[in-house]
C-alpha cells in the first residue's frame, strides 16, 4: 500500500534495477538497461529527487552489464555495485560519486569457479571504511568484507 504521492523516476518501457539512496535522501542511484538500443548498454543513473532530473554516472557496453544491487557509502563519496561479464563472472566495483574511474575490489571468475555461485548483497560499514558483500554457494549466504582503495 502506498501512502501519499508516488512519482515514477524512470520512463515506461525502461528497465531499472535495485536502486541505492544517498545518505541525505536527495539522490537515487540505479542501474538502467536499454534493451532496445542497437548495442546493449548498461548505465548507472543518478536521479535528483528534488529537481526530477537524471544524469548518467557510468556506462558500459555489452558484454559487460551493471549488476544488482548497489549501495552508497554512508559518507556519500562512493557507490558500490556489481559488474557482470558474459561468462558469469562478477566484480564488486566502487566509483567516486564526484566523478572518476571505477575500481574493482573483488572478482569471481565465473559462477561456481571459486565455489561462490553468486555475489548477492552489498552493505557499508558506518564509517565507510569497509564494504560487506554476501556471496552464496547454495541457499546459505556467506559474508565477506573488503576495504575500498584510496580513491584520491
N, C-alpha and C. Protein backbone atom coordinates (compact mmCIF):
# COMPACT_ATOMS: atom_id res chain seq x y z
N UNK A 1 0.84 -1.15 0.00
CA UNK A 1 0.00 0.00 0.00
C UNK A 1 0.90 1.23 0.00
N UNK A 2 0.60 2.19 -0.87
CA UNK A 2 1.36 3.42 -0.96
C UNK A 2 0.55 4.55 -0.35
N UNK A 3 1.17 5.29 0.56
CA UNK A 3 0.52 6.46 1.15
C UNK A 3 1.17 7.70 0.56
N UNK A 4 0.39 8.72 0.33
CA UNK A 4 0.94 9.95 -0.23
C UNK A 4 1.02 9.86 -1.74
N UNK A 5 1.94 10.61 -2.31
CA UNK A 5 2.09 10.70 -3.76
C UNK A 5 3.29 9.89 -4.21
N UNK A 6 3.13 9.12 -5.26
CA UNK A 6 4.26 8.40 -5.84
C UNK A 6 4.57 9.02 -7.20
N UNK A 7 5.84 9.15 -7.48
CA UNK A 7 6.29 9.75 -8.73
C UNK A 7 7.30 8.82 -9.38
N UNK A 8 7.01 8.31 -10.58
CA UNK A 8 7.99 7.44 -11.25
C UNK A 8 9.23 8.24 -11.65
N UNK A 9 10.42 7.63 -11.51
CA UNK A 9 11.63 8.32 -11.91
C UNK A 9 12.28 7.68 -13.13
N UNK A 10 11.64 6.65 -13.69
CA UNK A 10 12.11 6.00 -14.91
C UNK A 10 10.96 5.96 -15.89
N UNK A 11 11.25 6.27 -17.16
CA UNK A 11 10.20 6.26 -18.18
C UNK A 11 9.67 4.85 -18.39
N UNK A 12 8.40 4.77 -18.75
CA UNK A 12 7.77 3.47 -19.04
C UNK A 12 8.55 2.76 -20.14
N UNK A 13 8.67 1.46 -20.01
CA UNK A 13 9.36 0.66 -21.00
C UNK A 13 10.85 0.53 -20.77
N UNK A 14 11.39 1.20 -19.76
CA UNK A 14 12.81 1.11 -19.43
C UNK A 14 12.96 0.23 -18.20
N UNK A 15 14.05 -0.50 -18.13
CA UNK A 15 14.29 -1.43 -17.03
C UNK A 15 15.27 -0.82 -16.05
N UNK A 16 14.86 -0.67 -14.82
CA UNK A 16 15.76 -0.19 -13.77
C UNK A 16 15.87 -1.27 -12.70
N UNK A 17 16.98 -1.26 -11.98
CA UNK A 17 17.23 -2.34 -11.03
C UNK A 17 17.76 -1.83 -9.71
N UNK A 18 17.34 -2.43 -8.65
CA UNK A 18 17.84 -2.30 -7.28
C UNK A 18 18.54 -0.98 -6.99
N UNK A 19 17.79 0.07 -6.77
CA UNK A 19 18.39 1.38 -6.54
C UNK A 19 19.08 1.50 -5.18
N UNK A 20 19.98 2.47 -5.12
CA UNK A 20 20.63 2.86 -3.87
C UNK A 20 20.26 4.31 -3.60
N UNK A 21 20.18 4.68 -2.36
CA UNK A 21 19.77 6.03 -1.98
C UNK A 21 20.93 6.74 -1.29
N UNK A 22 21.15 8.01 -1.64
CA UNK A 22 22.22 8.78 -0.99
C UNK A 22 21.87 8.98 0.49
N UNK A 23 22.88 9.17 1.34
CA UNK A 23 22.61 9.33 2.77
C UNK A 23 21.67 10.50 3.08
N UNK A 24 21.70 11.56 2.27
CA UNK A 24 20.80 12.69 2.52
C UNK A 24 19.41 12.49 1.92
N UNK A 25 19.21 11.38 1.21
CA UNK A 25 17.91 11.05 0.65
C UNK A 25 17.52 11.87 -0.57
N UNK A 26 18.45 12.63 -1.13
CA UNK A 26 18.13 13.50 -2.26
C UNK A 26 18.44 12.91 -3.62
N UNK A 27 19.20 11.81 -3.66
CA UNK A 27 19.58 11.21 -4.94
C UNK A 27 19.34 9.70 -4.91
N UNK A 28 18.72 9.20 -5.97
CA UNK A 28 18.52 7.77 -6.16
C UNK A 28 19.48 7.32 -7.24
N UNK A 29 20.28 6.31 -6.96
CA UNK A 29 21.19 5.73 -7.94
C UNK A 29 20.60 4.40 -8.38
N UNK A 30 20.57 4.17 -9.68
CA UNK A 30 20.00 2.91 -10.15
C UNK A 30 20.66 2.46 -11.44
N UNK A 31 20.69 1.13 -11.61
CA UNK A 31 21.15 0.55 -12.86
C UNK A 31 20.05 0.67 -13.89
N UNK A 32 20.45 0.85 -15.14
CA UNK A 32 19.49 1.08 -16.20
C UNK A 32 19.97 0.34 -17.44
N UNK A 33 19.13 -0.50 -17.98
CA UNK A 33 19.48 -1.23 -19.21
C UNK A 33 18.56 -0.80 -20.33
N UNK A 34 19.17 -0.46 -21.46
CA UNK A 34 18.40 -0.06 -22.63
C UNK A 34 18.44 -1.22 -23.62
N UNK A 35 17.50 -2.14 -23.47
CA UNK A 35 17.47 -3.35 -24.30
C UNK A 35 17.10 -3.04 -25.74
N UNK A 36 16.47 -1.89 -26.00
CA UNK A 36 16.04 -1.54 -27.35
C UNK A 36 17.17 -0.94 -28.18
N UNK A 37 18.27 -0.57 -27.55
CA UNK A 37 19.38 0.06 -28.28
C UNK A 37 20.05 -0.95 -29.20
N UNK A 38 20.67 -0.46 -30.27
CA UNK A 38 21.38 -1.33 -31.22
C UNK A 38 22.49 -2.09 -30.51
N UNK A 39 23.29 -1.38 -29.71
CA UNK A 39 24.31 -2.00 -28.87
C UNK A 39 23.79 -1.92 -27.44
N UNK A 40 23.58 -3.09 -26.83
CA UNK A 40 23.03 -3.11 -25.49
C UNK A 40 23.98 -2.44 -24.51
N UNK A 41 23.49 -1.45 -23.80
CA UNK A 41 24.30 -0.75 -22.82
C UNK A 41 23.65 -0.83 -21.45
N UNK A 42 24.49 -0.72 -20.44
CA UNK A 42 24.03 -0.61 -19.06
C UNK A 42 24.60 0.67 -18.50
N UNK A 43 23.81 1.36 -17.73
CA UNK A 43 24.25 2.64 -17.16
C UNK A 43 23.88 2.70 -15.70
N UNK A 44 24.63 3.52 -14.98
CA UNK A 44 24.23 3.90 -13.63
C UNK A 44 23.76 5.34 -13.75
N UNK A 45 22.55 5.55 -13.30
CA UNK A 45 21.94 6.86 -13.36
C UNK A 45 21.80 7.43 -11.95
N UNK A 46 21.93 8.75 -11.85
CA UNK A 46 21.71 9.46 -10.60
C UNK A 46 20.47 10.33 -10.81
N UNK A 47 19.44 10.07 -10.03
CA UNK A 47 18.19 10.82 -10.16
C UNK A 47 18.03 11.74 -8.97
N UNK A 48 17.98 13.06 -9.22
CA UNK A 48 17.80 14.04 -8.17
C UNK A 48 16.31 14.11 -7.83
N UNK A 49 15.97 13.76 -6.62
CA UNK A 49 14.58 13.70 -6.19
C UNK A 49 13.95 15.09 -6.18
N UNK A 50 14.71 16.11 -5.82
CA UNK A 50 14.16 17.46 -5.72
C UNK A 50 13.88 18.09 -7.08
N UNK A 51 14.79 17.91 -8.05
CA UNK A 51 14.61 18.53 -9.36
C UNK A 51 13.88 17.63 -10.35
N UNK A 52 13.91 16.30 -10.07
CA UNK A 52 13.30 15.35 -11.00
C UNK A 52 14.19 15.03 -12.20
N UNK A 53 15.42 15.51 -12.20
CA UNK A 53 16.33 15.27 -13.32
C UNK A 53 17.26 14.10 -13.03
N UNK A 54 17.59 13.37 -14.11
CA UNK A 54 18.53 12.26 -14.02
C UNK A 54 19.77 12.56 -14.84
N UNK A 55 20.91 12.04 -14.37
CA UNK A 55 22.15 12.17 -15.12
C UNK A 55 22.88 10.84 -15.08
N UNK A 56 23.68 10.62 -16.11
CA UNK A 56 24.44 9.37 -16.21
C UNK A 56 25.73 9.49 -15.41
N UNK A 57 25.98 8.50 -14.57
CA UNK A 57 27.20 8.47 -13.77
C UNK A 57 28.25 7.56 -14.41
N UNK A 58 27.80 6.45 -15.01
CA UNK A 58 28.73 5.45 -15.54
C UNK A 58 28.01 4.63 -16.60
N UNK A 59 28.75 4.19 -17.64
CA UNK A 59 28.16 3.40 -18.73
C UNK A 59 29.13 2.30 -19.17
N UNK A 60 28.58 1.12 -19.44
CA UNK A 60 29.34 0.02 -20.04
C UNK A 60 28.52 -0.55 -21.18
N UNK A 61 29.22 -1.14 -22.15
CA UNK A 61 28.54 -1.77 -23.28
C UNK A 61 28.69 -3.28 -23.16
N UNK A 62 27.79 -4.01 -23.82
CA UNK A 62 27.84 -5.47 -23.82
C UNK A 62 29.23 -5.88 -24.31
N UNK A 63 29.82 -6.93 -23.76
CA UNK A 63 29.20 -7.97 -22.96
C UNK A 63 29.14 -7.66 -21.47
N UNK A 64 29.67 -6.53 -21.01
CA UNK A 64 29.56 -6.18 -19.60
C UNK A 64 28.19 -5.62 -19.31
N UNK A 65 27.73 -5.77 -18.08
CA UNK A 65 26.47 -5.15 -17.68
C UNK A 65 26.53 -4.81 -16.19
N UNK A 66 25.77 -3.79 -15.82
CA UNK A 66 25.69 -3.36 -14.43
C UNK A 66 24.86 -4.39 -13.69
N UNK A 67 25.42 -4.93 -12.62
CA UNK A 67 24.69 -5.90 -11.82
C UNK A 67 23.88 -5.23 -10.73
N UNK A 68 23.33 -6.03 -9.90
CA UNK A 68 22.48 -5.53 -8.83
C UNK A 68 22.87 -6.20 -7.54
N UNK A 69 22.69 -5.68 -6.40
CA UNK A 69 22.19 -4.34 -6.09
C UNK A 69 23.33 -3.33 -6.09
N UNK A 70 23.09 -2.12 -5.61
CA UNK A 70 24.13 -1.12 -5.43
C UNK A 70 23.89 -0.41 -4.10
N UNK A 71 24.97 0.19 -3.56
CA UNK A 71 24.86 0.84 -2.25
C UNK A 71 25.80 2.04 -2.19
N UNK A 72 25.30 3.13 -1.64
CA UNK A 72 26.08 4.35 -1.45
C UNK A 72 26.75 4.30 -0.08
N UNK A 73 28.02 4.71 -0.01
CA UNK A 73 28.71 4.74 1.27
C UNK A 73 28.05 5.77 2.20
N UNK A 74 28.09 5.53 3.51
CA UNK A 74 27.46 6.46 4.45
C UNK A 74 28.00 7.89 4.37
N UNK A 75 29.27 8.05 3.96
CA UNK A 75 29.81 9.41 3.82
C UNK A 75 29.41 10.05 2.48
N UNK A 76 28.70 9.30 1.63
CA UNK A 76 28.20 9.83 0.37
C UNK A 76 29.25 10.01 -0.71
N UNK A 77 30.44 9.44 -0.54
CA UNK A 77 31.52 9.61 -1.52
C UNK A 77 31.58 8.53 -2.58
N UNK A 78 31.20 7.29 -2.24
CA UNK A 78 31.39 6.17 -3.15
C UNK A 78 30.10 5.40 -3.38
N UNK A 79 29.99 4.82 -4.57
CA UNK A 79 28.90 3.91 -4.90
C UNK A 79 29.50 2.56 -5.20
N UNK A 80 29.03 1.53 -4.50
CA UNK A 80 29.48 0.16 -4.75
C UNK A 80 28.41 -0.55 -5.56
N UNK A 81 28.84 -1.33 -6.56
CA UNK A 81 27.91 -2.09 -7.39
C UNK A 81 28.63 -3.28 -7.99
N UNK A 82 27.86 -4.17 -8.58
CA UNK A 82 28.42 -5.34 -9.24
C UNK A 82 28.49 -5.10 -10.74
N UNK A 83 29.54 -5.60 -11.36
CA UNK A 83 29.71 -5.55 -12.81
C UNK A 83 29.78 -6.99 -13.28
N UNK A 84 28.90 -7.37 -14.19
CA UNK A 84 28.80 -8.75 -14.67
C UNK A 84 29.41 -8.88 -16.06
N UNK A 85 30.03 -10.04 -16.33
CA UNK A 85 30.52 -10.29 -17.69
C UNK A 85 29.74 -11.45 -18.31
N UNK A 86 29.96 -11.70 -19.60
CA UNK A 86 29.16 -12.69 -20.31
C UNK A 86 29.44 -14.12 -19.87
N UNK A 87 30.59 -14.38 -19.22
CA UNK A 87 30.91 -15.73 -18.75
C UNK A 87 30.33 -16.03 -17.38
N UNK A 88 29.63 -15.07 -16.79
CA UNK A 88 29.05 -15.28 -15.47
C UNK A 88 29.94 -14.80 -14.34
N UNK A 89 31.07 -14.16 -14.68
CA UNK A 89 31.92 -13.57 -13.66
C UNK A 89 31.28 -12.30 -13.11
N UNK A 90 31.62 -11.99 -11.90
CA UNK A 90 31.01 -10.82 -11.26
C UNK A 90 32.07 -10.12 -10.43
N UNK A 91 32.15 -8.79 -10.56
CA UNK A 91 33.10 -7.98 -9.81
C UNK A 91 32.36 -7.03 -8.90
N UNK A 92 32.93 -6.78 -7.73
CA UNK A 92 32.47 -5.71 -6.86
C UNK A 92 33.30 -4.49 -7.22
N UNK A 93 32.63 -3.40 -7.58
CA UNK A 93 33.30 -2.20 -8.07
C UNK A 93 32.83 -1.01 -7.25
N UNK A 94 33.72 -0.05 -7.00
CA UNK A 94 33.34 1.22 -6.39
C UNK A 94 33.71 2.34 -7.35
N UNK A 95 32.87 3.38 -7.35
CA UNK A 95 33.12 4.54 -8.19
C UNK A 95 32.87 5.79 -7.34
N UNK A 96 33.76 6.80 -7.48
CA UNK A 96 33.52 8.04 -6.74
C UNK A 96 32.30 8.77 -7.30
N UNK A 97 31.43 9.24 -6.44
CA UNK A 97 30.24 9.95 -6.90
C UNK A 97 30.57 11.34 -7.42
N UNK A 98 31.76 11.83 -7.11
CA UNK A 98 32.20 13.12 -7.63
C UNK A 98 32.75 13.01 -9.04
N UNK A 99 32.83 11.78 -9.57
CA UNK A 99 33.37 11.54 -10.89
C UNK A 99 34.69 10.80 -10.80
N UNK A 100 35.06 10.13 -11.85
CA UNK A 100 36.31 9.38 -11.86
C UNK A 100 36.08 7.95 -12.29
N UNK A 101 37.16 7.22 -12.34
CA UNK A 101 37.11 5.85 -12.82
C UNK A 101 36.75 4.87 -11.70
N UNK A 102 36.00 3.83 -12.04
CA UNK A 102 35.69 2.79 -11.04
C UNK A 102 36.91 1.94 -10.74
N UNK A 103 36.91 1.35 -9.55
CA UNK A 103 37.98 0.43 -9.15
C UNK A 103 37.36 -0.89 -8.70
N UNK A 104 37.96 -1.97 -9.16
CA UNK A 104 37.49 -3.31 -8.80
C UNK A 104 38.06 -3.70 -7.44
N UNK A 105 37.19 -4.20 -6.56
CA UNK A 105 37.62 -4.64 -5.23
C UNK A 105 37.68 -6.15 -5.11
N UNK A 106 36.80 -6.84 -5.82
CA UNK A 106 36.65 -8.29 -5.65
C UNK A 106 36.09 -8.86 -6.94
N UNK A 107 36.51 -10.06 -7.31
CA UNK A 107 36.01 -10.66 -8.55
C UNK A 107 35.88 -12.17 -8.42
N UNK A 108 34.79 -12.70 -8.96
CA UNK A 108 34.65 -14.14 -9.14
C UNK A 108 34.78 -14.38 -10.64
N UNK A 109 35.65 -15.31 -11.06
CA UNK A 109 35.87 -15.51 -12.49
C UNK A 109 34.64 -16.00 -13.24
N UNK A 110 33.89 -16.88 -12.67
CA UNK A 110 32.65 -17.34 -13.28
C UNK A 110 31.83 -18.04 -12.21
N UNK A 111 30.57 -18.21 -12.47
CA UNK A 111 29.70 -18.86 -11.47
C UNK A 111 30.26 -20.23 -11.14
N UNK A 112 30.50 -20.47 -9.88
CA UNK A 112 30.92 -21.78 -9.44
C UNK A 112 32.41 -22.03 -9.48
N UNK A 113 33.20 -21.24 -10.24
CA UNK A 113 34.63 -21.50 -10.37
C UNK A 113 35.36 -21.37 -9.05
N UNK A 114 34.90 -20.52 -8.16
CA UNK A 114 35.55 -20.31 -6.87
C UNK A 114 34.76 -20.95 -5.73
N UNK A 115 33.72 -21.67 -6.08
CA UNK A 115 32.84 -22.19 -5.06
C UNK A 115 31.79 -21.18 -4.66
N UNK A 116 31.86 -19.99 -5.23
CA UNK A 116 30.87 -18.94 -4.98
C UNK A 116 29.96 -18.87 -6.19
N UNK A 117 28.68 -19.11 -5.98
CA UNK A 117 27.75 -19.12 -7.09
C UNK A 117 27.29 -17.71 -7.45
N UNK A 118 27.19 -16.84 -6.47
CA UNK A 118 26.61 -15.53 -6.76
C UNK A 118 26.98 -14.53 -5.68
N UNK A 119 27.35 -13.33 -6.10
CA UNK A 119 27.52 -12.22 -5.17
C UNK A 119 26.16 -11.55 -5.09
N UNK A 120 25.56 -11.52 -3.91
CA UNK A 120 24.14 -11.19 -3.83
C UNK A 120 23.77 -9.92 -3.09
N UNK A 121 24.64 -9.39 -2.26
CA UNK A 121 24.26 -8.22 -1.48
C UNK A 121 25.45 -7.35 -1.15
N UNK A 122 25.19 -6.05 -0.93
CA UNK A 122 26.24 -5.08 -0.60
C UNK A 122 25.77 -4.23 0.59
N UNK A 123 26.68 -4.00 1.53
CA UNK A 123 26.41 -3.07 2.63
C UNK A 123 27.74 -2.41 3.01
N UNK A 124 27.67 -1.23 3.57
CA UNK A 124 28.85 -0.48 4.01
C UNK A 124 28.93 -0.47 5.53
N UNK A 125 30.15 -0.39 6.06
CA UNK A 125 30.32 -0.15 7.49
C UNK A 125 29.93 1.31 7.75
N UNK A 126 29.47 1.63 8.96
CA UNK A 126 29.03 3.00 9.25
C UNK A 126 30.09 4.08 8.98
N UNK A 127 31.40 3.72 9.10
CA UNK A 127 32.46 4.70 8.87
C UNK A 127 32.93 4.73 7.41
N UNK A 128 32.27 4.00 6.53
CA UNK A 128 32.59 3.93 5.09
C UNK A 128 33.96 3.33 4.79
N UNK A 129 34.57 2.65 5.75
CA UNK A 129 35.89 2.07 5.53
C UNK A 129 35.84 0.67 4.93
N UNK A 130 34.71 -0.04 5.09
CA UNK A 130 34.61 -1.41 4.58
C UNK A 130 33.32 -1.62 3.82
N UNK A 131 33.39 -2.51 2.85
CA UNK A 131 32.21 -2.93 2.11
C UNK A 131 31.98 -4.40 2.44
N UNK A 132 30.77 -4.72 2.82
CA UNK A 132 30.38 -6.10 3.10
C UNK A 132 29.62 -6.63 1.90
N UNK A 133 29.99 -7.82 1.46
CA UNK A 133 29.24 -8.46 0.38
C UNK A 133 28.72 -9.80 0.87
N UNK A 134 27.59 -10.20 0.34
CA UNK A 134 27.03 -11.51 0.65
C UNK A 134 27.22 -12.36 -0.59
N UNK A 135 27.89 -13.49 -0.42
CA UNK A 135 28.14 -14.42 -1.51
C UNK A 135 27.45 -15.73 -1.18
N UNK A 136 26.87 -16.36 -2.19
CA UNK A 136 26.19 -17.62 -1.96
C UNK A 136 26.81 -18.73 -2.79
N UNK A 137 26.87 -19.89 -2.21
CA UNK A 137 27.28 -21.09 -2.92
C UNK A 137 26.05 -21.97 -3.13
N UNK A 138 25.10 -21.81 -2.24
CA UNK A 138 23.86 -22.57 -2.28
C UNK A 138 22.81 -21.69 -1.62
N UNK A 139 21.90 -22.25 -0.92
CA UNK A 139 20.85 -21.45 -0.27
C UNK A 139 21.37 -20.69 0.94
N UNK A 140 22.59 -21.03 1.40
CA UNK A 140 23.15 -20.37 2.58
C UNK A 140 24.12 -19.27 2.16
N UNK A 141 23.81 -18.02 2.50
CA UNK A 141 24.69 -16.91 2.16
C UNK A 141 25.91 -16.88 3.06
N UNK A 142 27.03 -16.40 2.54
CA UNK A 142 28.24 -16.21 3.33
C UNK A 142 28.65 -14.76 3.21
N UNK A 143 29.12 -14.17 4.29
CA UNK A 143 29.52 -12.77 4.27
C UNK A 143 31.02 -12.61 4.15
N UNK A 144 31.45 -11.63 3.40
CA UNK A 144 32.85 -11.26 3.24
C UNK A 144 32.94 -9.75 3.35
N UNK A 145 34.06 -9.24 3.82
CA UNK A 145 34.22 -7.79 3.81
C UNK A 145 35.53 -7.46 3.10
N UNK A 146 35.58 -6.29 2.51
CA UNK A 146 36.76 -5.81 1.83
C UNK A 146 36.85 -4.31 2.04
N UNK A 147 38.05 -3.79 1.95
CA UNK A 147 38.24 -2.35 2.18
C UNK A 147 38.51 -1.67 0.84
N UNK A 148 37.75 -0.61 0.53
CA UNK A 148 38.00 0.11 -0.72
C UNK A 148 39.38 0.75 -0.73
N UNK A 149 40.01 0.82 -1.91
CA UNK A 149 41.30 1.51 -2.00
C UNK A 149 41.07 3.02 -1.86
N UNK A 150 42.16 3.72 -1.65
CA UNK A 150 42.05 5.18 -1.61
C UNK A 150 41.57 5.65 -2.97
N UNK A 151 40.55 6.48 -3.00
CA UNK A 151 40.00 6.95 -4.27
C UNK A 151 40.48 8.35 -4.59
N UNK A 152 41.51 8.82 -3.92
CA UNK A 152 42.01 10.18 -4.18
C UNK A 152 43.08 10.18 -5.23
